[in-house]
N, C-alpha and C. Protein backbone atom coordinates (compact mmCIF):
# COMPACT_ATOMS: atom_id res chain seq x y z
N GLY A 1 14.71 -16.77 48.79
CA GLY A 1 14.04 -16.09 48.05
C GLY A 1 13.81 -16.42 46.71
N ARG A 2 12.84 -16.07 45.98
CA ARG A 2 12.72 -16.69 44.43
C ARG A 2 12.59 -15.57 43.53
N ASN A 3 13.84 -14.78 43.87
CA ASN A 3 14.33 -13.78 42.79
C ASN A 3 15.30 -14.10 41.88
N ASN A 4 14.24 -15.14 41.02
CA ASN A 4 15.01 -15.53 39.78
C ASN A 4 14.40 -15.39 38.44
N TYR A 5 15.09 -15.49 37.41
CA TYR A 5 14.14 -15.06 36.25
C TYR A 5 13.25 -16.52 35.90
N ILE A 6 13.28 -17.49 36.64
CA ILE A 6 12.68 -18.63 36.24
C ILE A 6 11.05 -18.27 37.27
N PHE A 7 11.40 -17.65 37.97
CA PHE A 7 10.07 -17.64 38.88
C PHE A 7 9.35 -16.41 39.18
N GLY A 8 8.14 -16.20 39.48
CA GLY A 8 7.49 -15.01 39.66
C GLY A 8 7.23 -14.06 38.59
N ASN A 9 7.41 -12.62 38.96
CA ASN A 9 7.09 -11.68 37.99
C ASN A 9 8.56 -11.22 37.42
N SER A 10 9.64 -11.93 37.83
CA SER A 10 10.90 -11.48 37.21
C SER A 10 11.20 -11.56 35.67
N ARG A 11 11.86 -10.48 34.91
CA ARG A 11 12.01 -10.65 33.39
C ARG A 11 13.46 -10.66 33.06
N PHE A 12 13.54 -11.43 32.01
CA PHE A 12 14.90 -11.52 31.55
C PHE A 12 14.74 -10.81 29.89
N LEU A 13 15.47 -9.63 29.92
CA LEU A 13 15.46 -8.79 28.86
C LEU A 13 16.87 -8.93 28.07
N GLY A 14 16.88 -8.84 27.04
CA GLY A 14 18.17 -9.04 26.08
C GLY A 14 17.89 -8.37 24.69
N SER A 15 18.96 -7.85 24.18
CA SER A 15 18.86 -7.28 22.72
C SER A 15 19.79 -7.81 22.04
N LEU A 16 19.65 -7.97 20.73
CA LEU A 16 20.71 -8.39 19.96
C LEU A 16 20.64 -7.96 18.61
N GLU A 17 21.58 -7.40 17.73
CA GLU A 17 21.57 -7.27 16.22
C GLU A 17 22.80 -7.99 15.70
N VAL A 18 22.15 -8.69 14.47
CA VAL A 18 23.03 -9.42 13.86
C VAL A 18 22.89 -9.02 12.37
N GLU A 19 24.08 -8.74 11.74
CA GLU A 19 24.18 -8.45 10.39
C GLU A 19 24.52 -9.86 9.67
N VAL A 20 23.40 -9.87 8.92
CA VAL A 20 23.50 -11.16 7.75
C VAL A 20 23.63 -10.66 6.62
N PRO A 21 24.79 -11.02 5.91
CA PRO A 21 25.03 -10.72 4.43
C PRO A 21 23.99 -11.35 3.60
N MET A 22 22.82 -10.48 2.95
CA MET A 22 21.91 -10.89 2.12
C MET A 22 21.91 -9.96 0.97
N GLU A 23 22.00 -10.40 -0.08
CA GLU A 23 21.69 -9.75 -1.18
C GLU A 23 20.53 -10.17 -1.86
N LEU A 24 19.82 -9.36 -2.52
CA LEU A 24 18.56 -9.86 -3.39
C LEU A 24 18.27 -8.89 -4.58
N TRP A 25 17.33 -9.29 -5.27
CA TRP A 25 16.61 -8.44 -6.29
C TRP A 25 15.13 -8.99 -6.54
N ILE A 26 14.30 -8.10 -6.75
CA ILE A 26 13.16 -8.53 -6.96
C ILE A 26 12.49 -7.84 -8.44
N LYS A 27 11.88 -8.54 -9.11
CA LYS A 27 11.45 -7.81 -10.40
C LYS A 27 9.95 -8.38 -10.52
N ASN A 28 8.94 -7.59 -10.37
CA ASN A 28 7.56 -7.83 -10.53
C ASN A 28 7.11 -8.68 -9.58
N LEU A 29 7.35 -8.79 -8.42
CA LEU A 29 6.80 -9.80 -7.23
C LEU A 29 5.53 -9.23 -7.07
N GLN A 30 4.51 -10.06 -7.20
CA GLN A 30 3.18 -9.71 -6.75
C GLN A 30 2.40 -10.48 -5.84
N PHE A 31 1.74 -9.53 -4.95
CA PHE A 31 0.94 -9.81 -3.87
C PHE A 31 -0.50 -9.63 -4.20
N ALA A 32 -1.65 -10.59 -4.41
CA ALA A 32 -2.98 -9.91 -4.53
C ALA A 32 -3.85 -10.73 -3.62
N ASP A 33 -4.88 -9.94 -3.04
CA ASP A 33 -5.82 -10.66 -2.50
C ASP A 33 -7.21 -9.90 -2.92
N THR A 34 -8.28 -11.00 -2.92
CA THR A 34 -9.68 -10.72 -2.92
C THR A 34 -10.33 -10.38 -1.87
N VAL A 35 -10.98 -9.31 -1.85
CA VAL A 35 -11.93 -9.03 -0.40
C VAL A 35 -13.33 -8.60 -0.88
N ASP A 36 -14.31 -8.61 0.17
CA ASP A 36 -15.50 -8.45 -0.43
C ASP A 36 -15.57 -6.79 -0.56
N ASN A 37 -16.27 -6.34 -1.26
CA ASN A 37 -16.61 -5.13 -1.51
C ASN A 37 -16.97 -4.15 -0.62
N PHE A 38 -16.10 -3.56 0.03
CA PHE A 38 -16.53 -2.73 1.44
C PHE A 38 -16.99 -1.48 0.88
N LEU A 39 -16.82 -1.00 -0.17
CA LEU A 39 -17.40 0.33 -0.77
C LEU A 39 -18.80 0.37 -0.95
N LYS A 40 -19.35 -0.92 -1.34
CA LYS A 40 -20.66 -1.05 -1.93
C LYS A 40 -21.63 -0.52 -0.68
N SER A 41 -22.66 0.12 -1.41
CA SER A 41 -23.69 0.77 -0.48
C SER A 41 -24.53 -0.24 0.04
N LYS A 42 -24.79 -0.06 1.36
CA LYS A 42 -25.71 -1.11 2.01
C LYS A 42 -27.02 -0.64 2.61
N THR A 43 -27.94 -1.21 2.14
CA THR A 43 -29.40 -0.62 2.50
C THR A 43 -29.65 -1.13 3.92
N ASN A 44 -29.69 0.00 4.69
CA ASN A 44 -30.09 -0.31 6.31
C ASN A 44 -30.92 0.51 6.78
N ASN A 45 -31.85 0.04 7.21
CA ASN A 45 -33.44 0.94 7.46
C ASN A 45 -32.79 1.59 8.53
N ASN A 46 -31.75 1.14 9.61
CA ASN A 46 -31.36 1.98 10.84
C ASN A 46 -30.45 2.99 10.67
N ASN A 47 -30.03 2.90 9.41
CA ASN A 47 -29.05 3.95 9.04
C ASN A 47 -29.85 5.46 8.54
N ASN A 48 -29.35 6.55 9.34
CA ASN A 48 -30.01 7.83 9.18
C ASN A 48 -29.12 8.76 7.96
N SER A 49 -28.10 8.02 7.65
CA SER A 49 -27.32 8.79 6.77
C SER A 49 -27.68 8.57 5.26
N SER A 50 -27.87 9.56 4.51
CA SER A 50 -28.15 9.47 3.30
C SER A 50 -26.85 9.62 2.30
N PHE A 51 -25.71 9.47 3.05
CA PHE A 51 -24.44 9.59 2.16
C PHE A 51 -24.25 8.31 1.39
N LYS A 52 -23.68 8.34 0.36
CA LYS A 52 -23.61 7.16 -0.53
C LYS A 52 -22.36 7.44 -1.39
N PRO A 53 -21.38 6.49 -1.57
CA PRO A 53 -20.15 6.49 -2.42
C PRO A 53 -20.50 7.19 -3.67
N GLU A 54 -21.38 6.90 -4.23
CA GLU A 54 -21.80 7.44 -5.57
C GLU A 54 -22.19 8.85 -5.54
N ASP A 55 -22.23 9.47 -4.40
CA ASP A 55 -22.50 11.05 -4.34
C ASP A 55 -21.24 11.74 -4.55
N ILE A 56 -20.01 10.84 -4.69
CA ILE A 56 -18.80 11.83 -4.74
C ILE A 56 -18.38 11.79 -6.00
N ASP A 57 -18.04 12.88 -6.62
CA ASP A 57 -17.66 13.18 -7.87
C ASP A 57 -16.11 12.90 -8.03
N LEU A 58 -15.33 13.23 -6.99
CA LEU A 58 -14.09 13.16 -7.22
C LEU A 58 -13.15 12.80 -5.77
N LEU A 59 -12.50 11.82 -5.59
CA LEU A 59 -11.60 11.53 -4.58
C LEU A 59 -10.21 11.42 -4.99
N GLN A 60 -9.61 12.49 -4.43
CA GLN A 60 -7.97 12.38 -5.05
C GLN A 60 -7.30 12.12 -3.53
N ILE A 61 -6.10 11.33 -3.84
CA ILE A 61 -5.18 10.98 -2.81
C ILE A 61 -3.85 11.50 -3.25
N ASN A 62 -3.17 12.32 -2.63
CA ASN A 62 -1.84 12.87 -3.14
C ASN A 62 -0.79 12.25 -1.83
N ILE A 63 0.09 11.51 -2.36
CA ILE A 63 0.96 11.00 -1.56
C ILE A 63 2.53 11.13 -2.09
N VAL A 64 3.26 11.79 -1.13
CA VAL A 64 4.59 12.18 -1.38
C VAL A 64 5.44 11.26 -0.19
N ALA A 65 6.43 10.35 -0.93
CA ALA A 65 7.04 9.43 -0.22
C ALA A 65 8.52 9.46 -0.34
N ASN A 66 9.37 9.53 0.82
CA ASN A 66 10.72 9.83 0.80
C ASN A 66 11.24 8.12 1.36
N ASN A 67 11.74 7.51 0.24
CA ASN A 67 11.95 6.09 0.51
C ASN A 67 13.38 5.90 0.53
N GLY A 68 14.07 5.46 1.96
CA GLY A 68 15.60 5.00 1.88
C GLY A 68 15.61 3.56 1.51
N PHE A 69 14.74 2.89 1.12
CA PHE A 69 14.77 1.37 0.88
C PHE A 69 15.10 1.34 -0.59
N PRO A 70 15.97 0.41 -0.94
CA PRO A 70 16.01 -0.18 -2.40
C PRO A 70 14.90 -0.92 -3.04
N LEU A 71 13.70 -0.80 -2.63
CA LEU A 71 12.50 -1.40 -2.77
C LEU A 71 11.24 -0.47 -3.09
N GLY A 72 10.62 -0.49 -4.20
CA GLY A 72 9.47 0.15 -4.50
C GLY A 72 8.23 -0.64 -4.75
N ALA A 73 7.07 0.10 -4.88
CA ALA A 73 5.82 -0.67 -4.56
C ALA A 73 4.79 0.14 -5.62
N SER A 74 4.05 -0.80 -6.20
CA SER A 74 2.83 -0.14 -7.12
C SER A 74 1.51 -1.17 -6.42
N LEU A 75 0.37 -0.33 -6.81
CA LEU A 75 -0.81 -0.78 -6.20
C LEU A 75 -1.94 -0.75 -7.44
N ASN A 76 -2.63 -1.63 -7.53
CA ASN A 76 -3.74 -1.87 -8.47
C ASN A 76 -5.13 -2.25 -7.47
N MET A 77 -6.01 -1.52 -7.66
CA MET A 77 -7.26 -1.74 -6.88
C MET A 77 -8.40 -1.97 -7.92
N MET A 78 -8.89 -3.33 -8.04
CA MET A 78 -9.76 -3.52 -9.04
C MET A 78 -11.14 -3.75 -8.47
N LEU A 79 -12.41 -3.34 -9.17
CA LEU A 79 -13.56 -3.70 -8.79
C LEU A 79 -13.95 -5.11 -9.79
N TYR A 80 -14.40 -5.91 -8.74
CA TYR A 80 -14.48 -7.36 -9.69
C TYR A 80 -15.79 -8.01 -9.37
N ASP A 81 -16.51 -8.23 -10.57
CA ASP A 81 -17.77 -9.10 -10.62
C ASP A 81 -17.32 -10.44 -10.65
N SER A 82 -17.64 -11.26 -9.50
CA SER A 82 -16.94 -12.75 -9.45
C SER A 82 -18.05 -13.69 -10.26
N VAL A 83 -19.45 -13.11 -10.22
CA VAL A 83 -20.32 -13.88 -11.03
C VAL A 83 -20.06 -13.75 -12.46
N LYS A 84 -19.93 -12.81 -12.91
CA LYS A 84 -19.66 -12.51 -14.59
C LYS A 84 -18.17 -13.00 -14.75
N LYS A 85 -17.24 -12.71 -13.72
CA LYS A 85 -15.87 -12.82 -13.86
C LYS A 85 -15.27 -11.73 -14.56
N VAL A 86 -15.37 -10.80 -14.19
CA VAL A 86 -14.95 -9.46 -15.06
C VAL A 86 -14.49 -8.57 -13.99
N VAL A 87 -13.41 -7.72 -14.50
CA VAL A 87 -12.97 -6.48 -13.64
C VAL A 87 -13.85 -5.31 -14.26
N VAL A 88 -14.23 -4.74 -13.31
CA VAL A 88 -15.58 -3.64 -13.56
C VAL A 88 -14.67 -2.27 -14.00
N LYS A 89 -14.00 -1.85 -13.13
CA LYS A 89 -13.19 -0.72 -13.10
C LYS A 89 -11.82 -1.00 -12.21
N THR A 90 -10.69 -0.21 -12.78
CA THR A 90 -9.42 -0.40 -12.13
C THR A 90 -8.97 0.99 -11.66
N ILE A 91 -8.08 0.91 -10.37
CA ILE A 91 -7.56 2.16 -10.17
C ILE A 91 -6.03 1.62 -10.15
N ASN A 92 -4.94 2.65 -10.73
CA ASN A 92 -3.64 2.03 -10.92
C ASN A 92 -2.88 3.18 -10.33
N ALA A 93 -2.17 2.60 -9.13
CA ALA A 93 -1.24 3.63 -8.67
C ALA A 93 0.25 2.98 -9.07
N SER A 94 0.87 3.25 -10.28
CA SER A 94 1.84 2.48 -10.84
C SER A 94 3.36 2.79 -10.03
N ASN A 95 3.38 3.93 -9.57
CA ASN A 95 4.34 4.29 -8.92
C ASN A 95 4.26 4.95 -7.52
N LEU A 96 3.62 4.03 -6.82
CA LEU A 96 3.43 4.45 -5.49
C LEU A 96 4.52 4.82 -4.55
N ILE A 97 5.51 4.26 -4.66
CA ILE A 97 6.75 4.37 -3.85
C ILE A 97 7.76 3.90 -4.77
N GLN A 98 8.85 4.84 -5.02
CA GLN A 98 9.74 4.59 -5.98
C GLN A 98 11.06 4.21 -4.93
N PRO A 99 11.86 2.94 -5.50
CA PRO A 99 12.85 2.57 -4.66
C PRO A 99 13.98 3.48 -4.68
N ALA A 100 14.83 3.54 -3.74
CA ALA A 100 16.10 4.41 -3.49
C ALA A 100 17.24 3.77 -4.55
N LEU A 101 17.81 4.96 -4.97
CA LEU A 101 19.02 4.41 -6.00
C LEU A 101 20.09 3.49 -4.96
N VAL A 102 20.99 2.74 -5.60
CA VAL A 102 22.05 2.08 -4.86
C VAL A 102 23.32 2.21 -5.58
N ASP A 103 24.40 1.86 -4.82
CA ASP A 103 25.55 1.80 -5.34
C ASP A 103 25.82 0.68 -5.95
N ASP A 104 26.27 0.57 -7.12
CA ASP A 104 26.56 -0.80 -7.93
C ASP A 104 27.46 -1.59 -7.26
N ALA A 105 28.68 -1.24 -6.72
CA ALA A 105 29.80 -2.15 -6.09
C ALA A 105 29.07 -2.71 -4.73
N THR A 106 28.34 -1.87 -3.79
CA THR A 106 27.99 -2.55 -2.59
C THR A 106 26.57 -2.96 -2.50
N GLY A 107 25.84 -2.66 -3.21
CA GLY A 107 24.35 -2.88 -3.10
C GLY A 107 23.50 -1.89 -2.11
N ARG A 108 24.36 -1.06 -1.56
CA ARG A 108 23.56 -0.35 -0.50
C ARG A 108 22.93 1.12 -1.15
N ALA A 109 21.65 1.31 -0.56
CA ALA A 109 21.19 2.61 -0.86
C ALA A 109 21.94 3.96 -0.79
N LEU A 110 21.84 4.76 -1.78
CA LEU A 110 22.68 5.81 -1.68
C LEU A 110 22.06 7.27 -1.00
N GLY A 111 20.91 6.89 -0.51
CA GLY A 111 19.99 8.02 0.06
C GLY A 111 18.81 7.74 -0.04
N LYS A 112 17.72 8.69 0.05
CA LYS A 112 16.35 8.46 -0.12
C LYS A 112 15.93 8.99 -1.51
N THR A 113 14.85 8.44 -2.14
CA THR A 113 14.16 8.85 -3.40
C THR A 113 12.80 9.38 -3.24
N GLU A 114 12.49 10.58 -3.57
CA GLU A 114 11.17 11.11 -3.39
C GLU A 114 10.26 10.95 -4.49
N SER A 115 9.11 10.38 -4.14
CA SER A 115 8.12 10.08 -5.41
C SER A 115 6.83 10.63 -4.88
N SER A 116 6.08 11.32 -5.90
CA SER A 116 4.85 11.99 -5.73
C SER A 116 3.76 11.09 -6.56
N THR A 117 2.67 10.69 -5.94
CA THR A 117 1.56 10.02 -6.71
C THR A 117 0.30 10.62 -6.47
N THR A 118 -0.47 10.49 -7.37
CA THR A 118 -1.71 11.15 -7.42
C THR A 118 -2.85 10.09 -7.76
N ILE A 119 -3.65 9.67 -6.88
CA ILE A 119 -4.40 8.40 -7.01
C ILE A 119 -6.05 9.32 -7.13
N GLU A 120 -6.55 9.21 -8.38
CA GLU A 120 -7.48 9.79 -8.53
C GLU A 120 -8.63 8.70 -8.63
N ILE A 121 -9.72 8.95 -8.04
CA ILE A 121 -11.02 7.96 -8.02
C ILE A 121 -12.06 8.99 -8.51
N ASN A 122 -12.47 8.71 -9.62
CA ASN A 122 -13.45 9.81 -10.28
C ASN A 122 -14.77 9.10 -10.25
N LYS A 123 -15.99 9.92 -10.73
CA LYS A 123 -17.39 9.73 -10.81
C LYS A 123 -17.64 8.21 -11.41
N ASP A 124 -16.99 7.91 -12.57
CA ASP A 124 -16.99 6.69 -13.21
C ASP A 124 -16.72 5.43 -12.27
N PHE A 125 -15.60 5.53 -11.42
CA PHE A 125 -15.47 4.53 -10.67
C PHE A 125 -16.56 4.36 -9.32
N PHE A 126 -17.02 5.46 -8.81
CA PHE A 126 -17.89 5.36 -7.83
C PHE A 126 -19.33 4.91 -8.39
N ASP A 127 -19.68 5.18 -9.63
CA ASP A 127 -20.76 4.78 -10.22
C ASP A 127 -20.70 3.21 -10.55
N ALA A 128 -19.72 2.53 -10.57
CA ALA A 128 -19.50 1.28 -10.73
C ALA A 128 -19.45 0.39 -9.36
N ILE A 129 -19.23 1.09 -8.48
CA ILE A 129 -19.03 0.29 -7.18
C ILE A 129 -20.07 -0.84 -6.94
N ASN A 130 -21.30 -0.47 -7.22
CA ASN A 130 -22.33 -1.24 -6.91
C ASN A 130 -22.49 -2.57 -7.97
N LEU A 131 -21.60 -2.33 -8.95
CA LEU A 131 -21.74 -3.39 -10.15
C LEU A 131 -20.71 -4.50 -9.63
N ALA A 132 -19.92 -4.42 -8.53
CA ALA A 132 -18.89 -5.28 -8.27
C ALA A 132 -19.31 -5.88 -6.70
N ASN A 133 -19.05 -7.33 -6.61
CA ASN A 133 -19.19 -7.85 -5.20
C ASN A 133 -17.69 -7.92 -4.57
N LYS A 134 -16.71 -7.92 -5.30
CA LYS A 134 -15.54 -8.14 -4.92
C LYS A 134 -14.12 -6.89 -5.21
N ILE A 135 -13.35 -6.92 -4.28
CA ILE A 135 -12.34 -5.82 -4.73
C ILE A 135 -10.95 -6.76 -4.87
N ILE A 136 -10.18 -6.50 -5.73
CA ILE A 136 -9.04 -7.33 -5.87
C ILE A 136 -7.93 -6.06 -5.46
N LEU A 137 -7.01 -6.36 -4.61
CA LEU A 137 -5.86 -5.70 -4.27
C LEU A 137 -4.89 -6.10 -4.79
N MET A 138 -3.82 -5.60 -5.60
CA MET A 138 -2.70 -6.24 -6.19
C MET A 138 -1.29 -5.24 -5.83
N PHE A 139 -0.51 -5.62 -5.17
CA PHE A 139 0.48 -4.90 -5.03
C PHE A 139 1.92 -5.48 -5.79
N THR A 140 2.56 -4.86 -6.25
CA THR A 140 3.68 -5.23 -7.15
C THR A 140 4.80 -4.68 -6.48
N LEU A 141 6.16 -5.43 -6.11
CA LEU A 141 7.18 -5.06 -5.81
C LEU A 141 8.52 -5.06 -6.60
N ASN A 142 9.30 -4.15 -6.73
CA ASN A 142 10.55 -4.01 -7.65
C ASN A 142 11.77 -3.42 -6.82
N THR A 143 12.97 -3.93 -6.87
CA THR A 143 14.28 -3.12 -6.35
C THR A 143 14.48 -2.31 -7.13
N SER A 144 15.63 -1.64 -6.94
CA SER A 144 16.20 -0.64 -7.71
C SER A 144 16.63 -1.24 -9.02
N ASP A 145 16.51 0.04 -10.02
CA ASP A 145 16.64 -0.41 -11.43
C ASP A 145 15.84 -1.54 -12.03
N ASN A 146 14.38 -1.43 -11.51
CA ASN A 146 13.46 -2.66 -11.99
C ASN A 146 14.08 -4.13 -11.75
N GLY A 147 14.64 -4.29 -10.64
CA GLY A 147 15.02 -5.49 -10.29
C GLY A 147 16.34 -6.01 -11.08
N THR A 148 17.11 -5.16 -11.49
CA THR A 148 18.18 -5.72 -12.39
C THR A 148 19.55 -5.51 -11.64
N LYS A 149 19.40 -5.09 -10.33
CA LYS A 149 20.62 -4.77 -9.37
C LYS A 149 20.56 -5.63 -8.06
N ASN A 150 21.60 -6.28 -7.68
CA ASN A 150 21.63 -6.89 -6.24
C ASN A 150 21.44 -5.61 -5.30
N VAL A 151 20.41 -5.69 -4.41
CA VAL A 151 20.42 -4.66 -3.20
C VAL A 151 20.71 -5.40 -2.06
N LYS A 152 20.98 -4.45 -1.04
CA LYS A 152 21.21 -5.22 0.37
C LYS A 152 20.20 -4.32 1.21
N ILE A 153 19.65 -4.89 2.48
CA ILE A 153 18.86 -4.26 3.24
C ILE A 153 19.48 -4.03 4.64
N TYR A 154 19.66 -2.71 5.07
CA TYR A 154 20.16 -2.50 6.33
C TYR A 154 19.33 -1.92 7.23
N SER A 155 19.63 -2.00 8.46
CA SER A 155 18.79 -1.62 9.50
C SER A 155 18.45 0.00 9.86
N ASP A 156 19.39 0.62 8.99
CA ASP A 156 19.19 2.23 9.17
C ASP A 156 18.43 2.88 8.16
N TYR A 157 17.65 2.06 6.97
CA TYR A 157 16.95 2.50 6.10
C TYR A 157 15.72 2.91 6.82
N SER A 158 15.08 3.84 6.14
CA SER A 158 13.76 4.46 6.73
C SER A 158 12.95 5.04 5.30
N ILE A 159 11.78 4.96 5.59
CA ILE A 159 10.49 5.52 4.88
C ILE A 159 9.72 6.51 5.58
N SER A 160 9.54 7.71 4.89
CA SER A 160 8.64 8.54 5.59
C SER A 160 7.50 8.91 4.43
N PHE A 161 6.22 9.37 4.58
CA PHE A 161 5.42 9.78 3.59
C PHE A 161 4.26 10.59 4.08
N LYS A 162 3.83 11.43 3.47
CA LYS A 162 2.74 12.35 3.76
C LYS A 162 1.75 12.12 2.69
N ALA A 163 0.49 12.23 3.22
CA ALA A 163 -0.83 11.91 2.42
C ALA A 163 -1.84 13.10 2.65
N SER A 164 -2.35 13.43 1.38
CA SER A 164 -3.56 14.38 1.76
C SER A 164 -4.83 13.95 0.62
N LEU A 165 -5.87 14.51 1.19
CA LEU A 165 -7.01 14.02 0.47
C LEU A 165 -7.76 15.04 0.04
N VAL A 166 -8.28 15.08 -1.27
CA VAL A 166 -9.17 15.87 -1.88
C VAL A 166 -10.39 15.15 -2.17
N VAL A 167 -11.42 15.84 -1.83
CA VAL A 167 -12.77 15.31 -1.97
C VAL A 167 -13.95 16.29 -2.69
N LYS A 168 -14.34 16.03 -3.70
CA LYS A 168 -15.57 16.71 -4.30
C LYS A 168 -16.81 15.81 -4.21
N PRO A 169 -17.71 16.30 -3.16
CA PRO A 169 -18.89 15.36 -2.95
C PRO A 169 -20.10 16.21 -3.56
N ASN A 170 -21.19 15.53 -3.71
CA ASN A 170 -22.44 16.13 -4.20
C ASN A 170 -23.21 16.30 -2.86
N LEU A 171 -23.54 17.48 -2.40
CA LEU A 171 -24.38 17.63 -1.41
C LEU A 171 -25.61 17.95 -1.58
N TYR A 172 -26.67 17.29 -1.00
CA TYR A 172 -27.88 17.44 -1.25
C TYR A 172 -28.93 17.81 0.00
N LEU A 173 -29.29 18.95 -0.06
CA LEU A 173 -29.63 19.58 1.10
C LEU A 173 -31.26 19.71 1.06
């Protein structure tokens, strides 16, 4: 027979966990990407919806994160006009996720840090959406104590978060 892991539908499964001693620190490491403005109103004759992003007075995103990693993140979302080369409006979530505190001697996280962030997108931002053809998303990462301490990453770290949305639309009947 061909009951071998080389032939047929047989599978060879394995699992391995390796602890690699690694220490690191990160101070203001930024990742940015420019994408087409997905919020911009599109004129579509086949679309029966009269809803437009400009019809929203307020959109508020409330985020509560319990972070066990010694790594935090912030986010900037910028409406960008690539023809004029100007940023039209910016949403700044500077403390999106706070890093966990670490033990100075070992670099291991001491537990979880809870952070609450409110991202408020107001009428001014929605009015400016059609002035930009691009959106720049910029993430900034920092380890504990703003990148001044060496930290270690372990497999038992976790993060959990809850998000809620508050919307205040203008309804036209």
